[in-house]
Amino acid sequence: MSSVANVAIHASQFPDAVRRDLLESLRTRQVNQKFHYDSVKQTLKWLRLHQAYSPSRTDAGCLAVYERGFAAALAGLNALRVHLIGLGCGGGQKDTRLLRQLANLGKETFYTPCDVSTAMVLVARQAALAVLPDEKCHPLVCDLNSADDLPRVLEQQSRLDSARLITFFGMIPNFEPRSILPKLAALIRPEDGLLFSANLAPGADYATGVQQILPQYDNPLTHDWLLTFLYDLGVSPTAGELRFGVEDDPAGSGLKRVAGHFHFGAATEVQIEDELIAFRAGETLRLFFSYRYTPQSVNRLLGEQGLEVRQQWLTDSQEEGVFLCRRV
């Protein structure tokens, strides 16, 4: 294995863009969640949190749901060559299982692990190299929310004779749906397959279900991960506290989300190069949110973007769903 990794960095993650987004986050008091994956330290903390609380790691039935989704997606692939694109690849564990199944089918496979975090992309690449050679892995660091030319970038990476299978696992909760879903739909060509997963609110009563999963977020590992962003900016641990709750989607979609706000108990200043951002005592800074969906809302919102759910699989706990989609 080569000791050098070739990673493409999209302009959306160039230093000037990152600085602009950071300042916007602090000025608006709404942190762009990409900043929770910015450093190796944050990535490692997220991976530990994911291992402890994600249904895909703690619920054996969740793995079976993904496996059924993989089998259905692969059953429709007749091409000899496949380009797997992992949007928001995270640590790449699910994508690597999919890559292994493609290899078992004798497919020549190319893989693009795509994430906003360089460290995360490298972790996914490392996992994938157990299945495919380095020259067929093309890591891409990119902000999905602001890379307007991403369809063209991915088109350039795809071979003309390759089928494309795109995964979007565990990403939708941490984006505003009205923003990310049109961007996702723009990436899906009529011949592409999309495997999409969403965190769901369990039970028949949606509001009760969202309250039920609150402990998955309001816990020491999540606090430690999210507060790293503030502490690395120089905010004192005694400056305030992080509180979690459930709130309605401010856009009026009818969805609810778990949100974490930092409540400043003392006046605090953050210096970003020549910019000084001041927080008064009593102010709040939204550090995090995670939407919870239902199968019905997933189908409705994807349908509004011209994406049809062909098949879906839900865990017995009703906390996670996998959806196989095509463009209408």
C-alpha atoms as a PDB file:
ATOM      1  CA  MET A   1       0.000   0.000   0.000  1.00  0.00           C
ATOM      2  CA  SER A   2       1.252   3.464  -0.880  1.00  0.00           C
ATOM      3  CA  SER A   3       2.214   5.740   2.009  1.00  0.00           C
ATOM      4  CA  VAL A   4       0.702   8.679   0.097  1.00  0.00           C
ATOM      5  CA  ALA A   5      -3.036   9.332  -0.272  1.00  0.00           C
ATOM      6  CA  ASN A   6      -4.306  11.390  -3.184  1.00  0.00           C
ATOM      7  CA  VAL A   7      -7.297  13.382  -1.955  1.00  0.00           C
ATOM      8  CA  ALA A   8      -9.208  15.949  -4.033  1.00  0.00           C
ATOM      9  CA  ILE A   9     -10.255  19.093  -2.154  1.00  0.00           C
ATOM     10  CA  HIS A  10     -13.237  20.974  -3.550  1.00  0.00           C
ATOM     11  CA  ALA A  11     -13.207  24.787  -3.426  1.00  0.00           C
ATOM     12  CA  SER A  12     -16.071  24.676  -0.905  1.00  0.00           C
ATOM     13  CA  GLN A  13     -13.480  23.529   1.633  1.00  0.00           C
ATOM     14  CA  PHE A  14     -10.679  25.891   0.655  1.00  0.00           C
ATOM     15  CA  PRO A  15      -9.464  28.049   3.583  1.00  0.00           C
ATOM     16  CA  ASP A  16     -11.254  31.229   2.473  1.00  0.00           C
ATOM     17  CA  ALA A  17     -14.586  29.382   2.205  1.00  0.00           C
ATOM     18  CA  VAL A  18     -14.096  27.712   5.589  1.00  0.00           C
ATOM     19  CA  ARG A  19     -13.244  31.049   7.227  1.00  0.00           C
ATOM     20  CA  ARG A  20     -16.327  32.667   5.684  1.00  0.00           C
ATOM     21  CA  ASP A  21     -18.582  29.860   6.889  1.00  0.00           C
ATOM     22  CA  LEU A  22     -17.074  29.946  10.374  1.00  0.00           C
ATOM     23  CA  LEU A  23     -17.664  33.669  10.739  1.00  0.00           C
ATOM     24  CA  GLU A  24     -21.207  33.277   9.423  1.00  0.00           C
ATOM     25  CA  SER A  25     -21.844  30.536  11.982  1.00  0.00           C
ATOM     26  CA  LEU A  26     -20.744  32.714  14.888  1.00  0.00           C
ATOM     27  CA  ARG A  27     -22.466  35.883  13.669  1.00  0.00           C
ATOM     28  CA  THR A  28     -25.815  34.162  13.113  1.00  0.00           C
ATOM     29  CA  ARG A  29     -25.495  32.080  16.320  1.00  0.00           C
ATOM     30  CA  GLN A  30     -26.148  28.951  14.231  1.00  0.00           C
ATOM     31  CA  VAL A  31     -23.119  26.702  13.813  1.00  0.00           C
ATOM     32  CA  ASN A  32     -22.641  25.014  10.458  1.00  0.00           C
ATOM     33  CA  GLN A  33     -22.402  21.404  11.563  1.00  0.00           C
ATOM     34  CA  LYS A  34     -19.447  20.699   9.322  1.00  0.00           C
ATOM     35  CA  PHE A  35     -17.285  22.359  11.981  1.00  0.00           C
ATOM     36  CA  HIS A  36     -17.878  19.433  14.323  1.00  0.00           C
ATOM     37  CA  TYR A  37     -15.837  17.213  11.973  1.00  0.00           C
ATOM     38  CA  ASP A  38     -13.061  19.695  11.214  1.00  0.00           C
ATOM     39  CA  SER A  39     -10.149  18.194  13.128  1.00  0.00           C
ATOM     40  CA  VAL A  40      -8.752  14.715  13.658  1.00  0.00           C
ATOM     41  CA  LYS A  41      -9.662  15.080  17.348  1.00  0.00           C
ATOM     42  CA  GLN A  42     -13.310  15.807  16.520  1.00  0.00           C
ATOM     43  CA  THR A  43     -13.463  12.964  13.990  1.00  0.00           C
ATOM     44  CA  LEU A  44     -12.173  10.461  16.544  1.00  0.00           C
ATOM     45  CA  LYS A  45     -14.681  11.695  19.124  1.00  0.00           C
ATOM     46  CA  TRP A  46     -17.518  11.358  16.608  1.00  0.00           C
ATOM     47  CA  LEU A  47     -16.439   7.824  15.693  1.00  0.00           C
ATOM     48  CA  ARG A  48     -16.472   6.879  19.384  1.00  0.00           C
ATOM     49  CA  LEU A  49     -19.923   8.438  19.804  1.00  0.00           C
ATOM     50  CA  HIS A  50     -21.199   6.670  16.666  1.00  0.00           C
ATOM     51  CA  GLN A  51     -19.925   3.349  18.000  1.00  0.00           C
ATOM     52  CA  ALA A  52     -21.742   3.864  21.295  1.00  0.00           C
ATOM     53  CA  TYR A  53     -25.121   5.216  20.182  1.00  0.00           C
ATOM     54  CA  SER A  54     -25.784   4.683  16.460  1.00  0.00           C
ATOM     55  CA  PRO A  55     -28.457   2.026  15.808  1.00  0.00           C
ATOM     56  CA  SER A  56     -26.268   0.698  13.003  1.00  0.00           C
ATOM     57  CA  ARG A  57     -23.689  -0.195  15.688  1.00  0.00           C
ATOM     58  CA  THR A  58     -25.918  -1.103  18.616  1.00  0.00           C
ATOM     59  CA  ASP A  59     -28.901  -2.822  16.933  1.00  0.00           C
ATOM     60  CA  ALA A  60     -28.179  -6.136  15.206  1.00  0.00           C
ATOM     61  CA  GLY A  61     -31.435  -5.794  13.277  1.00  0.00           C
ATOM     62  CA  CYS A  62     -30.205  -2.528  11.789  1.00  0.00           C
ATOM     63  CA  LEU A  63     -27.345  -4.293  10.005  1.00  0.00           C
ATOM     64  CA  ALA A  64     -29.840  -6.733   8.484  1.00  0.00           C
ATOM     65  CA  VAL A  65     -31.908  -3.829   7.161  1.00  0.00           C
ATOM     66  CA  TYR A  66     -28.882  -2.364   5.408  1.00  0.00           C
ATOM     67  CA  GLU A  67     -27.961  -5.779   3.994  1.00  0.00           C
ATOM     68  CA  ARG A  68     -31.418  -6.099   2.457  1.00  0.00           C
ATOM     69  CA  GLY A  69     -31.024  -2.648   0.940  1.00  0.00           C
ATOM     70  CA  PHE A  70     -27.626  -3.602  -0.478  1.00  0.00           C
ATOM     71  CA  ALA A  71     -29.012  -6.794  -2.015  1.00  0.00           C
ATOM     72  CA  ALA A  72     -31.890  -4.968  -3.690  1.00  0.00           C
ATOM     73  CA  ALA A  73     -29.622  -2.239  -5.069  1.00  0.00           C
ATOM     74  CA  LEU A  74     -27.139  -4.755  -6.455  1.00  0.00           C
ATOM     75  CA  ALA A  75     -29.877  -6.876  -8.018  1.00  0.00           C
ATOM     76  CA  GLY A  76     -30.571  -4.047 -10.439  1.00  0.00           C
ATOM     77  CA  LEU A  77     -26.949  -3.578 -11.519  1.00  0.00           C
ATOM     78  CA  ASN A  78     -26.180  -5.276 -14.811  1.00  0.00           C
ATOM     79  CA  ALA A  79     -23.082  -3.267 -15.732  1.00  0.00           C
ATOM     80  CA  LEU A  80     -19.641  -4.823 -15.384  1.00  0.00           C
ATOM     81  CA  ARG A  81     -18.241  -1.608 -13.898  1.00  0.00           C
ATOM     82  CA  VAL A  82     -19.774   0.277 -10.990  1.00  0.00           C
ATOM     83  CA  HIS A  83     -18.919   3.666  -9.517  1.00  0.00           C
ATOM     84  CA  LEU A  84     -19.933   3.794  -5.844  1.00  0.00           C
ATOM     85  CA  ILE A  85     -20.225   7.345  -4.513  1.00  0.00           C
ATOM     86  CA  GLY A  86     -20.493   7.674  -0.743  1.00  0.00           C
ATOM     87  CA  LEU A  87     -21.942  11.113   0.028  1.00  0.00           C
ATOM     88  CA  GLY A  88     -21.146  11.889   3.641  1.00  0.00           C
ATOM     89  CA  CYS A  89     -19.148   8.679   3.834  1.00  0.00           C
ATOM     90  CA  GLY A  90     -18.264   9.004   7.524  1.00  0.00           C
ATOM     91  CA  GLY A  91     -15.975   6.161   8.517  1.00  0.00           C
ATOM     92  CA  GLY A  92     -16.968   4.221   5.396  1.00  0.00           C
ATOM     93  CA  GLN A  93     -18.049   1.019   7.168  1.00  0.00           C
ATOM     94  CA  LYS A  94     -21.342   0.643   5.296  1.00  0.00           C
ATOM     95  CA  ASP A  95     -19.812   1.591   1.962  1.00  0.00           C
ATOM     96  CA  THR A  96     -17.044  -0.955   2.479  1.00  0.00           C
ATOM     97  CA  ARG A  97     -19.578  -3.723   3.068  1.00  0.00           C
ATOM     98  CA  LEU A  98     -21.223  -2.706  -0.185  1.00  0.00           C
ATOM     99  CA  LEU A  99     -17.860  -2.667  -1.965  1.00  0.00           C
ATOM    100  CA  ARG A 100     -17.145  -6.177  -0.719  1.00  0.00           C
ATOM    101  CA  GLN A 101     -20.450  -7.428  -2.137  1.00  0.00           C
ATOM    102  CA  LEU A 102     -19.710  -5.770  -5.478  1.00  0.00           C
ATOM    103  CA  ALA A 103     -16.334  -7.521  -5.534  1.00  0.00           C
ATOM    104  CA  ASN A 104     -18.003 -10.849  -4.776  1.00  0.00           C
ATOM    105  CA  LEU A 105     -20.220 -10.299  -7.818  1.00  0.00           C
ATOM    106  CA  GLY A 106     -17.135  -9.811  -9.968  1.00  0.00           C
ATOM    107  CA  LYS A 107     -17.833  -6.123 -10.632  1.00  0.00           C
ATOM    108  CA  GLU A 108     -14.968  -3.767 -11.383  1.00  0.00           C
ATOM    109  CA  THR A 109     -15.615  -1.060  -8.833  1.00  0.00           C
ATOM    110  CA  PHE A 110     -14.509   2.529  -8.385  1.00  0.00           C
ATOM    111  CA  TYR A 111     -15.184   4.351  -5.136  1.00  0.00           C
ATOM    112  CA  THR A 112     -15.506   8.034  -4.261  1.00  0.00           C
ATOM    113  CA  PRO A 113     -15.735   8.565  -0.492  1.00  0.00           C
ATOM    114  CA  CYS A 114     -17.004  12.133  -0.137  1.00  0.00           C
ATOM    115  CA  ASP A 115     -17.194  14.033   3.128  1.00  0.00           C
ATOM    116  CA  VAL A 116     -16.655  17.522   4.508  1.00  0.00           C
ATOM    117  CA  SER A 117     -13.919  16.190   6.796  1.00  0.00           C
ATOM    118  CA  THR A 118     -10.496  15.305   5.422  1.00  0.00           C
ATOM    119  CA  ALA A 119      -9.883  13.025   8.394  1.00  0.00           C
ATOM    120  CA  MET A 120     -13.188  11.214   7.799  1.00  0.00           C
ATOM    121  CA  VAL A 121     -12.444  10.742   4.090  1.00  0.00           C
ATOM    122  CA  LEU A 122      -9.079   9.216   4.979  1.00  0.00           C
ATOM    123  CA  VAL A 123     -10.717   6.826   7.463  1.00  0.00           C
ATOM    124  CA  ALA A 124     -13.211   5.736   4.780  1.00  0.00           C
ATOM    125  CA  ARG A 125     -10.416   5.345   2.239  1.00  0.00           C
ATOM    126  CA  GLN A 126      -8.457   3.171   4.657  1.00  0.00           C
ATOM    127  CA  ALA A 127     -11.483   0.920   5.174  1.00  0.00           C
ATOM    128  CA  ALA A 128     -12.125   0.645   1.436  1.00  0.00           C
ATOM    129  CA  LEU A 129      -8.536  -0.340   0.618  1.00  0.00           C
ATOM    130  CA  ALA A 130      -9.215  -3.701   2.244  1.00  0.00           C
ATOM    131  CA  VAL A 131     -11.486  -4.384  -0.733  1.00  0.00           C
ATOM    132  CA  LEU A 132     -10.225  -2.447  -3.748  1.00  0.00           C
ATOM    133  CA  PRO A 133      -6.856  -1.088  -4.928  1.00  0.00           C
ATOM    134  CA  ASP A 134      -5.718   2.439  -4.204  1.00  0.00           C
ATOM    135  CA  GLU A 135      -5.951   3.553  -7.839  1.00  0.00           C
ATOM    136  CA  LYS A 136      -9.696   2.844  -7.839  1.00  0.00           C
ATOM    137  CA  CYS A 137     -10.396   4.934  -4.746  1.00  0.00           C
ATOM    138  CA  HIS A 138     -10.833   8.674  -5.361  1.00  0.00           C
ATOM    139  CA  PRO A 139     -11.461  10.522  -2.059  1.00  0.00           C
ATOM    140  CA  LEU A 140     -13.172  13.903  -2.277  1.00  0.00           C
ATOM    141  CA  VAL A 141     -13.406  16.543   0.474  1.00  0.00           C
ATOM    142  CA  CYS A 142     -16.431  18.689  -0.203  1.00  0.00           C
ATOM    143  CA  ASP A 143     -19.197  20.689   1.470  1.00  0.00           C
ATOM    144  CA  LEU A 144     -22.361  19.127   0.036  1.00  0.00           C
ATOM    145  CA  ASN A 145     -24.416  22.153   1.000  1.00  0.00           C
ATOM    146  CA  SER A 146     -22.395  24.721  -0.931  1.00  0.00           C
ATOM    147  CA  ALA A 147     -20.671  22.846  -3.784  1.00  0.00           C
ATOM    148  CA  ASP A 148     -23.035  23.866  -6.567  1.00  0.00           C
ATOM    149  CA  ASP A 149     -20.917  22.217  -9.265  1.00  0.00           C
ATOM    150  CA  LEU A 150     -20.777  18.822  -7.549  1.00  0.00           C
ATOM    151  CA  PRO A 151     -22.824  17.085 -10.304  1.00  0.00           C
ATOM    152  CA  ARG A 152     -20.140  18.062 -12.816  1.00  0.00           C
ATOM    153  CA  VAL A 153     -17.287  17.060 -10.491  1.00  0.00           C
ATOM    154  CA  LEU A 154     -18.739  13.597  -9.926  1.00  0.00           C
ATOM    155  CA  GLU A 155     -19.549  13.215 -13.611  1.00  0.00           C
ATOM    156  CA  GLN A 156     -15.886  13.783 -14.403  1.00  0.00           C
ATOM    157  CA  GLN A 157     -14.907  11.012 -11.982  1.00  0.00           C
ATOM    158  CA  SER A 158     -17.322   8.480 -13.498  1.00  0.00           C
ATOM    159  CA  ARG A 159     -16.387   6.328 -16.461  1.00  0.00           C
ATOM    160  CA  LEU A 160     -18.852   6.354 -19.340  1.00  0.00           C
ATOM    161  CA  ASP A 161     -19.314   2.600 -19.135  1.00  0.00           C
ATOM    162  CA  SER A 162     -19.899   2.535 -15.352  1.00  0.00           C
ATOM    163  CA  ALA A 163     -23.205   2.280 -13.557  1.00  0.00           C
ATOM    164  CA  ARG A 164     -23.492   4.644 -10.593  1.00  0.00           C
ATOM    165  CA  LEU A 165     -24.730   3.762  -7.147  1.00  0.00           C
ATOM    166  CA  ILE A 166     -24.909   6.649  -4.682  1.00  0.00           C
ATOM    167  CA  THR A 167     -25.185   6.245  -0.926  1.00  0.00           C
ATOM    168  CA  PHE A 168     -26.454   8.924   1.440  1.00  0.00           C
ATOM    169  CA  PHE A 169     -26.308   7.234   4.828  1.00  0.00           C
ATOM    170  CA  GLY A 170     -27.115   9.045   8.057  1.00  0.00           C
ATOM    171  CA  MET A 171     -26.757  12.499   6.539  1.00  0.00           C
ATOM    172  CA  ILE A 172     -30.259  13.888   6.119  1.00  0.00           C
ATOM    173  CA  PRO A 173     -30.899  14.545   9.856  1.00  0.00           C
ATOM    174  CA  ASN A 174     -28.147  17.169  10.063  1.00  0.00           C
ATOM    175  CA  PHE A 175     -29.181  19.273   7.076  1.00  0.00           C
ATOM    176  CA  GLU A 176     -32.127  21.582   6.547  1.00  0.00           C
ATOM    177  CA  PRO A 177     -34.315  19.443   4.251  1.00  0.00           C
ATOM    178  CA  ARG A 178     -35.319  22.370   2.030  1.00  0.00           C
ATOM    179  CA  SER A 179     -31.627  23.009   1.351  1.00  0.00           C
ATOM    180  CA  ILE A 180     -30.013  19.589   0.959  1.00  0.00           C
ATOM    181  CA  LEU A 181     -32.723  17.595  -0.821  1.00  0.00           C
ATOM    182  CA  PRO A 182     -32.711  19.679  -4.039  1.00  0.00           C
ATOM    183  CA  LYS A 183     -28.915  19.388  -4.106  1.00  0.00           C
ATOM    184  CA  LEU A 184     -29.104  15.630  -3.625  1.00  0.00           C
ATOM    185  CA  ALA A 185     -31.716  15.297  -6.360  1.00  0.00           C
ATOM    186  CA  ALA A 186     -29.518  17.262  -8.768  1.00  0.00           C
ATOM    187  CA  LEU A 187     -26.826  14.588  -8.413  1.00  0.00           C
ATOM    188  CA  ILE A 188     -29.095  11.663  -9.322  1.00  0.00           C
ATOM    189  CA  ARG A 189     -29.243  10.801 -13.021  1.00  0.00           C
ATOM    190  CA  PRO A 190     -32.174   8.755 -14.393  1.00  0.00           C
ATOM    191  CA  GLU A 191     -30.017   5.627 -14.578  1.00  0.00           C
ATOM    192  CA  ASP A 192     -28.474   6.027 -11.086  1.00  0.00           C
ATOM    193  CA  GLY A 193     -29.458   4.140  -7.953  1.00  0.00           C
ATOM    194  CA  LEU A 194     -29.685   5.935  -4.614  1.00  0.00           C
ATOM    195  CA  LEU A 195     -29.489   4.189  -1.248  1.00  0.00           C
ATOM    196  CA  PHE A 196     -30.736   6.651   1.350  1.00  0.00           C
ATOM    197  CA  SER A 197     -31.062   6.211   5.100  1.00  0.00           C
ATOM    198  CA  ALA A 198     -32.883   8.304   7.670  1.00  0.00           C
ATOM    199  CA  ASN A 199     -33.166   8.375  11.441  1.00  0.00           C
ATOM    200  CA  LEU A 200     -36.823   7.843  12.333  1.00  0.00           C
ATOM    201  CA  ALA A 201     -39.070   8.650  15.252  1.00  0.00           C
ATOM    202  CA  PRO A 202     -40.295   5.305  16.650  1.00  0.00           C
ATOM    203  CA  GLY A 203     -43.893   4.476  17.485  1.00  0.00           C
ATOM    204  CA  ALA A 204     -47.277   5.612  16.275  1.00  0.00           C
ATOM    205  CA  ASP A 205     -47.060   9.077  17.859  1.00  0.00           C
ATOM    206  CA  TYR A 206     -44.418  11.182  16.120  1.00  0.00           C
ATOM    207  CA  ALA A 207     -43.877  13.765  18.871  1.00  0.00           C
ATOM    208  CA  THR A 208     -43.558  11.081  21.538  1.00  0.00           C
ATOM    209  CA  GLY A 209     -41.107   9.162  19.379  1.00  0.00           C
ATOM    210  CA  VAL A 210     -38.826  12.179  19.017  1.00  0.00           C
ATOM    211  CA  GLN A 211     -38.807  12.682  22.779  1.00  0.00           C
ATOM    212  CA  GLN A 212     -38.012   8.990  23.221  1.00  0.00           C
ATOM    213  CA  ILE A 213     -34.709   9.206  21.343  1.00  0.00           C
ATOM    214  CA  LEU A 214     -33.470  12.354  23.125  1.00  0.00           C
ATOM    215  CA  PRO A 215     -31.011  10.384  25.342  1.00  0.00           C
ATOM    216  CA  GLN A 216     -29.112   9.342  22.201  1.00  0.00           C
ATOM    217  CA  TYR A 217     -28.002  12.983  21.994  1.00  0.00           C
ATOM    218  CA  ASP A 218     -28.144  14.339  25.537  1.00  0.00           C
ATOM    219  CA  ASN A 219     -25.266  12.287  26.907  1.00  0.00           C
ATOM    220  CA  PRO A 220     -21.622  12.841  27.934  1.00  0.00           C
ATOM    221  CA  LEU A 221     -20.087  11.597  24.656  1.00  0.00           C
ATOM    222  CA  THR A 222     -22.198  13.960  22.538  1.00  0.00           C
ATOM    223  CA  HIS A 223     -21.525  16.881  24.885  1.00  0.00           C
ATOM    224  CA  ASP A 224     -17.786  16.192  24.709  1.00  0.00           C
ATOM    225  CA  TRP A 225     -17.830  15.995  20.899  1.00  0.00           C
ATOM    226  CA  LEU A 226     -19.881  19.167  20.312  1.00  0.00           C
ATOM    227  CA  LEU A 227     -18.176  21.325  22.937  1.00  0.00           C
ATOM    228  CA  THR A 228     -14.789  20.621  21.344  1.00  0.00           C
ATOM    229  CA  PHE A 229     -15.718  23.182  18.674  1.00  0.00           C
ATOM    230  CA  LEU A 230     -16.185  25.934  21.250  1.00  0.00           C
ATOM    231  CA  TYR A 231     -13.239  25.009  23.414  1.00  0.00           C
ATOM    232  CA  ASP A 232     -10.923  24.969  20.397  1.00  0.00           C
ATOM    233  CA  LEU A 233     -12.056  28.537  19.674  1.00  0.00           C
ATOM    234  CA  GLY A 234     -10.949  29.547  23.164  1.00  0.00           C
ATOM    235  CA  VAL A 235     -14.340  29.526  24.906  1.00  0.00           C
ATOM    236  CA  SER A 236     -13.911  28.643  28.571  1.00  0.00           C
ATOM    237  CA  PRO A 237     -15.654  25.508  29.882  1.00  0.00           C
ATOM    238  CA  THR A 238     -17.102  27.742  32.597  1.00  0.00           C
ATOM    239  CA  ALA A 239     -18.639  30.199  30.087  1.00  0.00           C
ATOM    240  CA  GLY A 240     -21.974  28.368  29.932  1.00  0.00           C
ATOM    241  CA  GLU A 241     -23.646  25.022  29.346  1.00  0.00           C
ATOM    242  CA  LEU A 242     -25.008  22.880  26.523  1.00  0.00           C
ATOM    243  CA  ARG A 243     -28.706  22.018  26.726  1.00  0.00           C
ATOM    244  CA  PHE A 244     -30.706  19.698  24.485  1.00  0.00           C
ATOM    245  CA  GLY A 245     -34.387  19.793  23.631  1.00  0.00           C
ATOM    246  CA  VAL A 246     -36.910  19.084  20.883  1.00  0.00           C
ATOM    247  CA  GLU A 247     -38.101  21.856  18.583  1.00  0.00           C
ATOM    248  CA  ASP A 248     -40.252  22.272  15.473  1.00  0.00           C
ATOM    249  CA  ASP A 249     -38.694  22.822  12.064  1.00  0.00           C
ATOM    250  CA  PRO A 250     -38.614  26.639  11.749  1.00  0.00           C
ATOM    251  CA  ALA A 251     -39.429  26.275   8.032  1.00  0.00           C
ATOM    252  CA  GLY A 252     -42.828  24.821   8.900  1.00  0.00           C
ATOM    253  CA  SER A 253     -42.364  21.386   7.321  1.00  0.00           C
ATOM    254  CA  GLY A 254     -44.097  19.675  10.244  1.00  0.00           C
ATOM    255  CA  LEU A 255     -40.873  17.887  11.169  1.00  0.00           C
ATOM    256  CA  LYS A 256     -39.301  18.002  14.605  1.00  0.00           C
ATOM    257  CA  ARG A 257     -35.640  17.955  15.504  1.00  0.00           C
ATOM    258  CA  VAL A 258     -33.413  17.468  18.499  1.00  0.00           C
ATOM    259  CA  ALA A 259     -31.358  20.616  19.011  1.00  0.00           C
ATOM    260  CA  GLY A 260     -28.405  21.472  21.215  1.00  0.00           C
ATOM    261  CA  HIS A 261     -27.902  25.111  22.241  1.00  0.00           C
ATOM    262  CA  PHE A 262     -24.999  26.505  24.228  1.00  0.00           C
ATOM    263  CA  HIS A 263     -26.289  28.969  26.818  1.00  0.00           C
ATOM    264  CA  PHE A 264     -23.721  31.606  27.731  1.00  0.00           C
ATOM    265  CA  GLY A 265     -23.666  32.355  31.439  1.00  0.00           C
ATOM    266  CA  ALA A 266     -20.908  34.914  31.060  1.00  0.00           C
ATOM    267  CA  ALA A 267     -19.939  37.467  28.434  1.00  0.00           C
ATOM    268  CA  THR A 268     -17.474  35.832  26.023  1.00  0.00           C
ATOM    269  CA  GLU A 269     -15.393  36.979  23.061  1.00  0.00           C
ATOM    270  CA  VAL A 270     -14.092  34.819  20.220  1.00  0.00           C
ATOM    271  CA  GLN A 271     -11.249  36.111  18.040  1.00  0.00           C
ATOM    272  CA  ILE A 272     -11.043  34.823  14.446  1.00  0.00           C
ATOM    273  CA  GLU A 273      -7.947  36.493  12.968  1.00  0.00           C
ATOM    274  CA  ASP A 274      -8.977  40.189  12.787  1.00  0.00           C
ATOM    275  CA  GLU A 275     -12.650  39.543  13.605  1.00  0.00           C
ATOM    276  CA  LEU A 276     -13.986  39.732  17.150  1.00  0.00           C
ATOM    277  CA  ILE A 277     -17.312  38.009  17.867  1.00  0.00           C
ATOM    278  CA  ALA A 278     -18.889  38.929  21.212  1.00  0.00           C
ATOM    279  CA  PHE A 279     -21.530  36.904  23.074  1.00  0.00           C
ATOM    280  CA  ARG A 280     -23.487  38.475  25.900  1.00  0.00           C
ATOM    281  CA  ALA A 281     -24.461  36.613  29.035  1.00  0.00           C
ATOM    282  CA  GLY A 282     -27.855  35.032  28.361  1.00  0.00           C
ATOM    283  CA  GLU A 283     -27.270  34.576  24.621  1.00  0.00           C
ATOM    284  CA  THR A 284     -27.481  31.158  22.992  1.00  0.00           C
ATOM    285  CA  LEU A 285     -25.525  29.551  20.164  1.00  0.00           C
ATOM    286  CA  ARG A 286     -27.082  26.631  18.323  1.00  0.00           C
ATOM    287  CA  LEU A 287     -24.383  23.986  18.087  1.00  0.00           C
ATOM    288  CA  PHE A 288     -26.342  21.077  16.653  1.00  0.00           C
ATOM    289  CA  PHE A 289     -29.629  19.774  15.319  1.00  0.00           C
ATOM    290  CA  SER A 290     -30.860  16.407  14.097  1.00  0.00           C
ATOM    291  CA  TYR A 291     -34.200  15.986  12.346  1.00  0.00           C
ATOM    292  CA  ARG A 292     -36.290  12.875  12.895  1.00  0.00           C
ATOM    293  CA  TYR A 293     -38.415  11.553  10.057  1.00  0.00           C
ATOM    294  CA  THR A 294     -41.173   9.052   9.436  1.00  0.00           C
ATOM    295  CA  PRO A 295     -41.305   6.730   6.402  1.00  0.00           C
ATOM    296  CA  GLN A 296     -44.177   8.841   5.125  1.00  0.00           C
ATOM    297  CA  SER A 297     -42.269  12.124   5.404  1.00  0.00           C
ATOM    298  CA  VAL A 298     -39.229  10.594   3.673  1.00  0.00           C
ATOM    299  CA  ASN A 299     -41.383   9.449   0.758  1.00  0.00           C
ATOM    300  CA  ARG A 300     -43.126  12.818   0.549  1.00  0.00           C
ATOM    301  CA  LEU A 301     -40.009  14.980   0.694  1.00  0.00           C
ATOM    302  CA  LEU A 302     -38.069  12.854  -1.802  1.00  0.00           C
ATOM    303  CA  GLY A 303     -41.087  12.770  -4.101  1.00  0.00           C
ATOM    304  CA  GLU A 304     -41.192  16.568  -4.120  1.00  0.00           C
ATOM    305  CA  GLN A 305     -37.683  16.450  -5.623  1.00  0.00           C
ATOM    306  CA  GLY A 306     -38.555  13.931  -8.334  1.00  0.00           C
ATOM    307  CA  LEU A 307     -37.107  10.942  -6.453  1.00  0.00           C
ATOM    308  CA  GLU A 308     -39.267   7.854  -6.016  1.00  0.00           C
ATOM    309  CA  VAL A 309     -38.802   5.345  -3.213  1.00  0.00           C
ATOM    310  CA  ARG A 310     -38.918   1.937  -4.908  1.00  0.00           C
ATOM    311  CA  GLN A 311     -38.328  -0.144  -1.784  1.00  0.00           C
ATOM    312  CA  GLN A 312     -37.855   0.530   1.916  1.00  0.00           C
ATOM    313  CA  TRP A 313     -36.705  -1.423   4.951  1.00  0.00           C
ATOM    314  CA  LEU A 314     -37.298  -0.418   8.568  1.00  0.00           C
ATOM    315  CA  THR A 315     -35.677  -1.715  11.737  1.00  0.00           C
ATOM    316  CA  ASP A 316     -37.857  -3.464  14.306  1.00  0.00           C
ATOM    317  CA  SER A 317     -37.158  -0.567  16.661  1.00  0.00           C
ATOM    318  CA  GLN A 318     -38.562   1.805  13.978  1.00  0.00           C
ATOM    319  CA  GLU A 319     -35.595   4.129  14.609  1.00  0.00           C
ATOM    320  CA  GLU A 320     -33.887   3.746  11.243  1.00  0.00           C
ATOM    321  CA  GLY A 321     -34.959   3.181   7.667  1.00  0.00           C
ATOM    322  CA  VAL A 322     -33.139   2.413   4.397  1.00  0.00           C
ATOM    323  CA  PHE A 323     -34.723   3.525   1.128  1.00  0.00           C
ATOM    324  CA  LEU A 324     -33.833   2.501  -2.445  1.00  0.00           C
ATOM    325  CA  CYS A 325     -34.677   5.390  -4.753  1.00  0.00           C
ATOM    326  CA  ARG A 326     -34.672   6.266  -8.441  1.00  0.00           C
ATOM    327  CA  ARG A 327     -35.356   9.438 -10.359  1.00  0.00           C
ATOM    328  CA  VAL A 328     -38.926   9.516 -11.640  1.00  0.00           C
END
